[in-house]
C-alpha atoms as a PDB file:
ATOM      1  CA  MET A   1     129.504 123.295  95.502  1.00  0.00           C
ATOM      2  CA  THR A   2     126.429 123.771  97.624  1.00  0.00           C
ATOM      3  CA  GLY A   3     123.782 121.162  98.248  1.00  0.00           C
ATOM      4  CA  SER A   4     120.807 123.214  97.156  1.00  0.00           C
ATOM      5  CA  ALA A   5     122.480 124.396  93.958  1.00  0.00           C
ATOM      6  CA  SER A   6     123.925 121.032  93.008  1.00  0.00           C
ATOM      7  CA  THR A   7     120.589 119.304  92.406  1.00  0.00           C
ATOM      8  CA  VAL A   8     118.628 122.062  90.673  1.00  0.00           C
ATOM      9  CA  ASN A   9     118.937 120.402  87.250  1.00  0.00           C
ATOM     10  CA  SER A  10     118.987 116.809  88.474  1.00  0.00           C
ATOM     11  CA  THR A  11     116.142 114.342  88.401  1.00  0.00           C
ATOM     12  CA  PRO A  12     115.576 112.923  91.903  1.00  0.00           C
ATOM     13  CA  MET A  13     115.909 109.149  91.813  1.00  0.00           C
ATOM     14  CA  ALA A  14     114.760 107.895  95.195  1.00  0.00           C
ATOM     15  CA  ALA A  15     113.372 108.914  98.552  1.00  0.00           C
ATOM     16  CA  LEU A  16     114.349 107.192 101.788  1.00  0.00           C
ATOM     17  CA  LEU A  17     111.476 107.478 104.243  1.00  0.00           C
ATOM     18  CA  PHE A  18     112.095 107.509 107.965  1.00  0.00           C
ATOM     19  CA  ALA A  19     110.008 107.430 111.103  1.00  0.00           C
ATOM     20  CA  GLN A  20     109.722 110.867 112.676  1.00  0.00           C
ATOM     21  CA  GLY A  21     112.906 111.902 114.408  1.00  0.00           C
ATOM     22  CA  TYR A  22     115.077 109.287 112.701  1.00  0.00           C
ATOM     23  CA  ARG A  23     116.353 111.141 109.632  1.00  0.00           C
ATOM     24  CA  PRO A  24     120.145 110.944 109.725  1.00  0.00           C
ATOM     25  CA  ASP A  25     122.505 113.876 109.836  1.00  0.00           C
ATOM     26  CA  ASP A  26     125.820 113.945 108.015  1.00  0.00           C
ATOM     27  CA  ALA A  27     127.596 112.500 111.071  1.00  0.00           C
ATOM     28  CA  GLY A  28     125.239 109.520 111.031  1.00  0.00           C
ATOM     29  CA  LEU A  29     125.890 108.910 107.350  1.00  0.00           C
ATOM     30  CA  THR A  30     129.650 109.124 107.882  1.00  0.00           C
ATOM     31  CA  ALA A  31     129.473 106.716 110.811  1.00  0.00           C
ATOM     32  CA  LEU A  32     127.490 104.143 108.805  1.00  0.00           C
ATOM     33  CA  ALA A  33     129.960 104.401 105.910  1.00  0.00           C
ATOM     34  CA  ALA A  34     132.887 103.791 108.264  1.00  0.00           C
ATOM     35  CA  GLU A  35     131.144 100.877 109.975  1.00  0.00           C
ATOM     36  CA  ALA A  36     129.503  99.028 107.094  1.00  0.00           C
ATOM     37  CA  GLY A  37     130.980 100.461 103.879  1.00  0.00           C
ATOM     38  CA  GLY A  38     129.143 100.619 100.575  1.00  0.00           C
ATOM     39  CA  TYR A  39     129.696 104.355 100.068  1.00  0.00           C
ATOM     40  CA  ALA A  40     131.680 107.336 101.324  1.00  0.00           C
ATOM     41  CA  VAL A  41     130.650 110.851 102.275  1.00  0.00           C
ATOM     42  CA  SER A  42     132.756 112.767  99.773  1.00  0.00           C
ATOM     43  CA  HIS A  43     131.711 116.383 100.373  1.00  0.00           C
ATOM     44  CA  ARG A  44     129.708 118.466 102.817  1.00  0.00           C
ATOM     45  CA  ASP A  45     129.031 122.197 103.203  1.00  0.00           C
ATOM     46  CA  LEU A  46     128.642 123.792 106.622  1.00  0.00           C
ATOM     47  CA  ASP A  47     126.344 126.394 105.072  1.00  0.00           C
ATOM     48  CA  THR A  48     124.030 123.633 103.788  1.00  0.00           C
ATOM     49  CA  PRO A  49     123.441 121.356 106.781  1.00  0.00           C
ATOM     50  CA  GLY A  50     120.756 119.283 105.054  1.00  0.00           C
ATOM     51  CA  TRP A  51     122.976 118.144 102.182  1.00  0.00           C
ATOM     52  CA  VAL A  52     125.951 115.872 101.590  1.00  0.00           C
ATOM     53  CA  GLU A  53     127.579 114.388  98.524  1.00  0.00           C
ATOM     54  CA  VAL A  54     128.121 110.635  98.665  1.00  0.00           C
ATOM     55  CA  LEU A  55     130.416 108.518  96.502  1.00  0.00           C
ATOM     56  CA  ARG A  56     129.830 104.978  95.246  1.00  0.00           C
ATOM     57  CA  ASP A  57     131.881 103.192  92.555  1.00  0.00           C
ATOM     58  CA  GLY A  58     133.348 106.469  91.292  1.00  0.00           C
ATOM     59  CA  LEU A  59     129.962 108.203  90.927  1.00  0.00           C
ATOM     60  CA  THR A  60     128.676 110.972  93.180  1.00  0.00           C
ATOM     61  CA  PHE A  61     125.103 111.519  94.324  1.00  0.00           C
ATOM     62  CA  ASP A  62     123.447 114.219  96.410  1.00  0.00           C
ATOM     63  CA  LEU A  63     121.432 113.492  99.538  1.00  0.00           C
ATOM     64  CA  ASN A  64     119.084 116.285 100.590  1.00  0.00           C
ATOM     65  CA  GLY A  65     116.767 116.585 103.576  1.00  0.00           C
ATOM     66  CA  LEU A  66     119.195 115.481 106.267  1.00  0.00           C
ATOM     67  CA  ALA A  67     118.691 116.484 109.879  1.00  0.00           C
ATOM     68  CA  PRO A  68     118.726 119.106 111.292  1.00  0.00           C
ATOM     69  CA  ASP A  69     117.342 120.660 108.088  1.00  0.00           C
ATOM     70  CA  ALA A  70     113.709 120.102 107.082  1.00  0.00           C
ATOM     71  CA  PRO A  71     112.718 116.847 105.325  1.00  0.00           C
ATOM     72  CA  VAL A  72     112.096 116.953 101.564  1.00  0.00           C
ATOM     73  CA  PRO A  73     108.352 117.052 100.737  1.00  0.00           C
ATOM     74  CA  VAL A  74     107.340 113.868  98.860  1.00  0.00           C
ATOM     75  CA  ASP A  75     103.762 113.047  97.863  1.00  0.00           C
ATOM     76  CA  LEU A  76     103.258 109.426  98.885  1.00  0.00           C
ATOM     77  CA  ALA A  77      99.476 109.224  98.600  1.00  0.00           C
ATOM     78  CA  ALA A  78      99.289 107.782  95.079  1.00  0.00           C
ATOM     79  CA  MET A  79     102.339 105.546  95.275  1.00  0.00           C
ATOM     80  CA  GLN A  80     102.041 101.792  94.775  1.00  0.00           C
ATOM     81  CA  ARG A  81     103.081  99.720  97.780  1.00  0.00           C
ATOM     82  CA  VAL A  82     105.170  96.598  97.368  1.00  0.00           C
ATOM     83  CA  GLY A  83     105.953  94.540 100.441  1.00  0.00           C
ATOM     84  CA  LEU A  84     104.933  97.457 102.645  1.00  0.00           C
ATOM     85  CA  PRO A  85     101.993  96.722 104.962  1.00  0.00           C
ATOM     86  CA  GLN A  86      98.891  98.866 104.593  1.00  0.00           C
ATOM     87  CA  THR A  87      99.129  99.501 108.330  1.00  0.00           C
ATOM     88  CA  VAL A  88     102.184 101.725 107.755  1.00  0.00           C
ATOM     89  CA  ASP A  89     101.003 105.336 108.024  1.00  0.00           C
ATOM     90  CA  THR A  90     103.018 107.092 105.341  1.00  0.00           C
ATOM     91  CA  SER A  91     101.695 110.524 106.364  1.00  0.00           C
ATOM     92  CA  THR A  92     104.052 110.460 109.342  1.00  0.00           C
ATOM     93  CA  LEU A  93     107.210 109.593 107.403  1.00  0.00           C
ATOM     94  CA  GLU A  94     110.030 112.044 106.688  1.00  0.00           C
ATOM     95  CA  ALA A  95     112.075 111.903 103.491  1.00  0.00           C
ATOM     96  CA  ILE A  96     115.642 112.373 102.427  1.00  0.00           C
ATOM     97  CA  VAL A  97     116.089 112.358  98.653  1.00  0.00           C
ATOM     98  CA  LEU A  98     118.822 110.881  96.475  1.00  0.00           C
ATOM     99  CA  ALA A  99     119.696 112.658  93.215  1.00  0.00           C
ATOM    100  CA  PRO A 100     122.587 112.289  90.750  1.00  0.00           C
ATOM    101  CA  GLY A 101     125.489 114.650  91.240  1.00  0.00           C
ATOM    102  CA  PRO A 102     126.178 117.472  88.774  1.00  0.00           C
ATOM    103  CA  HIS A 103     128.728 115.438  86.794  1.00  0.00           C
ATOM    104  CA  LEU A 104     125.953 112.932  86.013  1.00  0.00           C
ATOM    105  CA  ALA A 105     123.554 115.533  84.614  1.00  0.00           C
ATOM    106  CA  GLY A 106     121.775 113.949  81.650  1.00  0.00           C
ATOM    107  CA  ALA A 107     123.244 110.515  82.404  1.00  0.00           C
ATOM    108  CA  GLU A 108     121.001 109.555  85.305  1.00  0.00           C
ATOM    109  CA  HIS A 109     118.880 107.401  82.957  1.00  0.00           C
ATOM    110  CA  LEU A 110     121.814 105.212  81.890  1.00  0.00           C
ATOM    111  CA  LEU A 111     121.725 101.679  83.215  1.00  0.00           C
ATOM    112  CA  PRO A 112     125.222 101.723  84.801  1.00  0.00           C
ATOM    113  CA  VAL A 113     124.252 104.851  86.776  1.00  0.00           C
ATOM    114  CA  VAL A 114     120.913 103.330  87.833  1.00  0.00           C
ATOM    115  CA  ARG A 115     122.698 100.169  88.932  1.00  0.00           C
ATOM    116  CA  VAL A 116     125.125 102.132  91.126  1.00  0.00           C
ATOM    117  CA  ALA A 117     122.226 104.156  92.545  1.00  0.00           C
ATOM    118  CA  ALA A 118     120.402 100.926  93.444  1.00  0.00           C
ATOM    119  CA  ALA A 119     123.532  99.567  95.154  1.00  0.00           C
ATOM    120  CA  LEU A 120     123.946 102.822  97.057  1.00  0.00           C
ATOM    121  CA  ILE A 121     120.334 102.711  98.248  1.00  0.00           C
ATOM    122  CA  ALA A 122     120.830  99.110  99.369  1.00  0.00           C
ATOM    123  CA  ALA A 123     123.768 100.286 101.483  1.00  0.00           C
ATOM    124  CA  LEU A 124     121.817 103.217 102.952  1.00  0.00           C
ATOM    125  CA  VAL A 125     118.938 100.914 103.933  1.00  0.00           C
ATOM    126  CA  ARG A 126     120.979 100.053 107.045  1.00  0.00           C
ATOM    127  CA  LEU A 127     120.290 103.511 108.499  1.00  0.00           C
ATOM    128  CA  PRO A 128     118.237 103.288 111.721  1.00  0.00           C
ATOM    129  CA  GLY A 129     114.554 104.133 111.502  1.00  0.00           C
ATOM    130  CA  LEU A 130     114.157 103.611 107.768  1.00  0.00           C
ATOM    131  CA  VAL A 131     110.588 102.494 106.998  1.00  0.00           C
ATOM    132  CA  ALA A 132     110.290 102.547 103.189  1.00  0.00           C
ATOM    133  CA  VAL A 133     112.098 103.269  99.924  1.00  0.00           C
ATOM    134  CA  SER A 134     110.466 105.046  97.005  1.00  0.00           C
ATOM    135  CA  TRP A 135     111.926 104.805  93.503  1.00  0.00           C
ATOM    136  CA  LEU A 136     110.533 108.152  92.369  1.00  0.00           C
ATOM    137  CA  PRO A 137     110.435 107.680  88.557  1.00  0.00           C
ATOM    138  CA  SER A 138     107.945 104.833  89.020  1.00  0.00           C
ATOM    139  CA  GLY A 139     106.053 105.930  92.115  1.00  0.00           C
ATOM    140  CA  SER A 140     106.848 102.684  93.931  1.00  0.00           C
ATOM    141  CA  LEU A 141     106.796 102.483  97.714  1.00  0.00           C
ATOM    142  CA  VAL A 142     108.788  99.459  98.816  1.00  0.00           C
ATOM    143  CA  SER A 143     109.785  97.909 102.113  1.00  0.00           C
ATOM    144  CA  PRO A 144     113.557  98.202 102.707  1.00  0.00           C
ATOM    145  CA  GLU A 145     113.897  94.412 102.809  1.00  0.00           C
ATOM    146  CA  TRP A 146     112.108  93.999  99.480  1.00  0.00           C
ATOM    147  CA  PHE A 147     114.250  96.668  97.806  1.00  0.00           C
ATOM    148  CA  VAL A 148     117.526  95.168  99.034  1.00  0.00           C
ATOM    149  CA  GLN A 149     116.548  91.655  97.976  1.00  0.00           C
ATOM    150  CA  ALA A 150     115.528  92.784  94.480  1.00  0.00           C
ATOM    151  CA  ALA A 151     118.466  95.170  93.974  1.00  0.00           C
ATOM    152  CA  ASP A 152     121.088  92.715  95.227  1.00  0.00           C
ATOM    153  CA  ALA A 153     119.776  89.994  92.897  1.00  0.00           C
ATOM    154  CA  TRP A 154     119.988  92.377  89.903  1.00  0.00           C
ATOM    155  CA  ILE A 155     123.487  93.564  90.800  1.00  0.00           C
ATOM    156  CA  ALA A 156     124.575  89.927  91.071  1.00  0.00           C
ATOM    157  CA  GLY A 157     123.434  89.288  87.499  1.00  0.00           C
ATOM    158  CA  GLY A 158     119.759  88.495  87.990  1.00  0.00           C
ATOM    159  CA  PRO A 159     116.682  90.186  86.495  1.00  0.00           C
ATOM    160  CA  PHE A 160     115.962  93.890  86.755  1.00  0.00           C
ATOM    161  CA  PRO A 161     113.951  94.620  89.938  1.00  0.00           C
ATOM    162  CA  ALA A 162     110.694  95.202  88.080  1.00  0.00           C
ATOM    163  CA  LEU A 163     108.450  95.236  91.142  1.00  0.00           C
ATOM    164  CA  ALA A 164     110.722  97.593  93.097  1.00  0.00           C
ATOM    165  CA  MET A 165     111.705 100.088  90.378  1.00  0.00           C
ATOM    166  CA  THR A 166     108.655 100.091  88.094  1.00  0.00           C
ATOM    167  CA  THR A 167     104.933  99.886  88.811  1.00  0.00           C
ATOM    168  CA  ILE A 168     102.060  98.297  86.917  1.00  0.00           C
ATOM    169  CA  ALA A 169      98.521  99.704  86.855  1.00  0.00           C
ATOM    170  CA  ARG A 170      95.853  97.073  86.149  1.00  0.00           C
ATOM    171  CA  THR A 171      92.344  97.003  84.834  1.00  0.00           C
ATOM    172  CA  ALA A 172      90.305  93.870  84.090  1.00  0.00           C
ATOM    173  CA  SER A 173      91.771  93.587  80.595  1.00  0.00           C
ATOM    174  CA  LYS A 174      95.181  95.318  80.477  1.00  0.00           C
ATOM    175  CA  MET A 175      98.270  96.399  82.362  1.00  0.00           C
ATOM    176  CA  LYS A 176     100.131  99.682  81.987  1.00  0.00           C
ATOM    177  CA  SER A 177     103.714 100.184  83.132  1.00  0.00           C
ATOM    178  CA  HIS A 178     105.036 103.274  84.878  1.00  0.00           C
ATOM    179  CA  GLY A 179     108.711 104.085  85.359  1.00  0.00           C
ATOM    180  CA  LEU A 180     110.158 102.717  82.124  1.00  0.00           C
ATOM    181  CA  THR A 181     110.110 106.184  80.547  1.00  0.00           C
ATOM    182  CA  PHE A 182     112.964 107.114  82.873  1.00  0.00           C
ATOM    183  CA  LEU A 183     115.019 104.200  81.524  1.00  0.00           C
ATOM    184  CA  ILE A 184     114.059 103.739  77.850  1.00  0.00           C
ATOM    185  CA  GLY A 185     111.722 106.614  76.984  1.00  0.00           C
ATOM    186  CA  GLN A 186     108.679 104.337  76.582  1.00  0.00           C
ATOM    187  CA  GLU A 187     105.988 102.602  78.632  1.00  0.00           C
ATOM    188  CA  PHE A 188     103.959  99.548  77.630  1.00  0.00           C
ATOM    189  CA  THR A 189     100.328  98.532  77.633  1.00  0.00           C
ATOM    190  CA  LEU A 190      99.881  94.767  77.872  1.00  0.00           C
ATOM    191  CA  TYR A 191      96.531  93.436  76.668  1.00  0.00           C
ATOM    192  CA  ALA A 192      95.117  90.337  78.340  1.00  0.00           C
ATOM    193  CA  SER A 193      95.686  87.214  76.308  1.00  0.00           C
ATOM    194  CA  GLY A 194      92.221  85.835  77.052  1.00  0.00           C
ATOM    195  CA  GLY A 195      90.134  88.981  77.358  1.00  0.00           C
ATOM    196  CA  MET A 196      90.599  89.038  81.137  1.00  0.00           C
ATOM    197  CA  LEU A 197      93.930  89.283  82.912  1.00  0.00           C
ATOM    198  CA  GLN A 198      95.344  85.984  84.128  1.00  0.00           C
ATOM    199  CA  GLU A 199      98.388  84.898  86.149  1.00  0.00           C
ATOM    200  CA  LYS A 200     100.365  84.402  82.947  1.00  0.00           C
ATOM    201  CA  ASP A 201      99.897  88.055  82.012  1.00  0.00           C
ATOM    202  CA  ALA A 202     101.528  89.179  85.252  1.00  0.00           C
ATOM    203  CA  ARG A 203     104.546  86.993  84.467  1.00  0.00           C
ATOM    204  CA  VAL A 204     104.685  88.474  80.971  1.00  0.00           C
ATOM    205  CA  ALA A 205     104.740  91.996  82.410  1.00  0.00           C
ATOM    206  CA  VAL A 206     107.636  91.251  84.787  1.00  0.00           C
ATOM    207  CA  ARG A 207     109.682  89.439  82.111  1.00  0.00           C
ATOM    208  CA  LEU A 208     108.974  92.229  79.632  1.00  0.00           C
ATOM    209  CA  VAL A 209     110.261  94.908  81.989  1.00  0.00           C
ATOM    210  CA  ASP A 210     113.534  92.993  82.306  1.00  0.00           C
ATOM    211  CA  TRP A 211     113.799  92.549  78.526  1.00  0.00           C
ATOM    212  CA  LEU A 212     113.082  96.213  77.780  1.00  0.00           C
ATOM    213  CA  VAL A 213     115.591  97.475  80.328  1.00  0.00           C
ATOM    214  CA  ALA A 214     118.243  95.205  78.807  1.00  0.00           C
ATOM    215  CA  HIS A 215     117.447  95.962  75.145  1.00  0.00           C
ATOM    216  CA  GLY A 216     116.255  99.570  75.237  1.00  0.00           C
ATOM    217  CA  LYS A 217     113.739 101.473  73.166  1.00  0.00           C
ATOM    218  CA  VAL A 218     111.584  99.533  70.703  1.00  0.00           C
ATOM    219  CA  GLU A 219     111.837 101.285  67.336  1.00  0.00           C
ATOM    220  CA  GLY A 220     109.392  99.188  65.302  1.00  0.00           C
ATOM    221  CA  PRO A 221     107.000  96.230  65.449  1.00  0.00           C
ATOM    222  CA  ARG A 222     108.675  92.983  66.386  1.00  0.00           C
ATOM    223  CA  GLU A 223     108.238  89.661  68.121  1.00  0.00           C
ATOM    224  CA  VAL A 224     110.401  88.725  71.079  1.00  0.00           C
ATOM    225  CA  VAL A 225     110.603  85.518  73.099  1.00  0.00           C
ATOM    226  CA  LEU A 226     110.535  86.022  76.862  1.00  0.00           C
ATOM    227  CA  PRO A 227     111.898  83.388  79.268  1.00  0.00           C
ATOM    228  CA  ASP A 228     109.215  81.153  80.783  1.00  0.00           C
ATOM    229  CA  VAL A 229     106.358  82.854  78.915  1.00  0.00           C
ATOM    230  CA  GLY A 230     107.154  82.520  75.194  1.00  0.00           C
ATOM    231  CA  PRO A 231     106.684  84.919  72.265  1.00  0.00           C
ATOM    232  CA  VAL A 232     105.032  88.330  72.561  1.00  0.00           C
ATOM    233  CA  TRP A 233     104.310  90.947  69.909  1.00  0.00           C
ATOM    234  CA  LEU A 234     105.543  94.515  70.527  1.00  0.00           C
ATOM    235  CA  GLU A 235     104.244  97.458  68.537  1.00  0.00           C
ATOM    236  CA  PRO A 236     105.297 101.020  69.434  1.00  0.00           C
ATOM    237  CA  ASP A 237     102.812 103.751  68.530  1.00  0.00           C
ATOM    238  CA  GLY A 238     105.179 106.703  68.144  1.00  0.00           C
ATOM    239  CA  GLU A 239     103.725 108.416  71.230  1.00  0.00           C
ATOM    240  CA  GLY A 240     105.767 106.619  73.837  1.00  0.00           C
ATOM    241  CA  THR A 241     103.647 103.501  74.318  1.00  0.00           C
ATOM    242  CA  ILE A 242     104.482  99.938  73.302  1.00  0.00           C
ATOM    243  CA  HIS A 243     101.350  97.862  72.695  1.00  0.00           C
ATOM    244  CA  VAL A 244     101.973  94.299  73.793  1.00  0.00           C
ATOM    245  CA  ARG A 245     100.054  91.135  72.952  1.00  0.00           C
ATOM    246  CA  CYS A 246     100.976  87.534  73.576  1.00  0.00           C
ATOM    247  CA  ALA A 247     101.668  85.821  70.256  1.00  0.00           C
END
């Protein structure tokens, strides 16, 4: 197995973004695993110095872009920041990228795999010089602390980390999700309950992400009751969008 070949058909899941000069090499990853646990370096290839395979809970993932190889190019300009100060200059950051291993090809969208990936990222956050985490299917750009807090709560049985692993685009009258396609094959458009978006609508969006991740694709019109916000009406349009209105 070689690092470059092993991820050709895989969908990258996350980018770990480091200050210049701080990207780890495989020795740094091995040292962190021995010191703090949370994963193991399960395979390396001397002919592919920028790649290692890492193991977590019986699943393997590829990490590409390690030093001394070149960082992986990642376009950060349009990403949505969460908990990451605007003063952080993302143009200077260098990325290593996490992708599912070959044995997970086609299964990277499954919730158990995503959960293990989130736990693995939370373990890797302890690497020195890490500035931000990007969950690539959603275009989120999250502070390491925010990602760990949200991922750990989910792994412990709490809600899906909607603000860390999905994004929401807003206008004055609606919200559109991004990142749910990776998980359920659909996104949603939430229409403001009073003509203009209000605080309640933001709560609806977060609760709805959690409900959709837990229940999967919406096949037909239906009403669901979301915790703390009440009933909402869901109507899929057959083109990958769920139209959402508060009942």
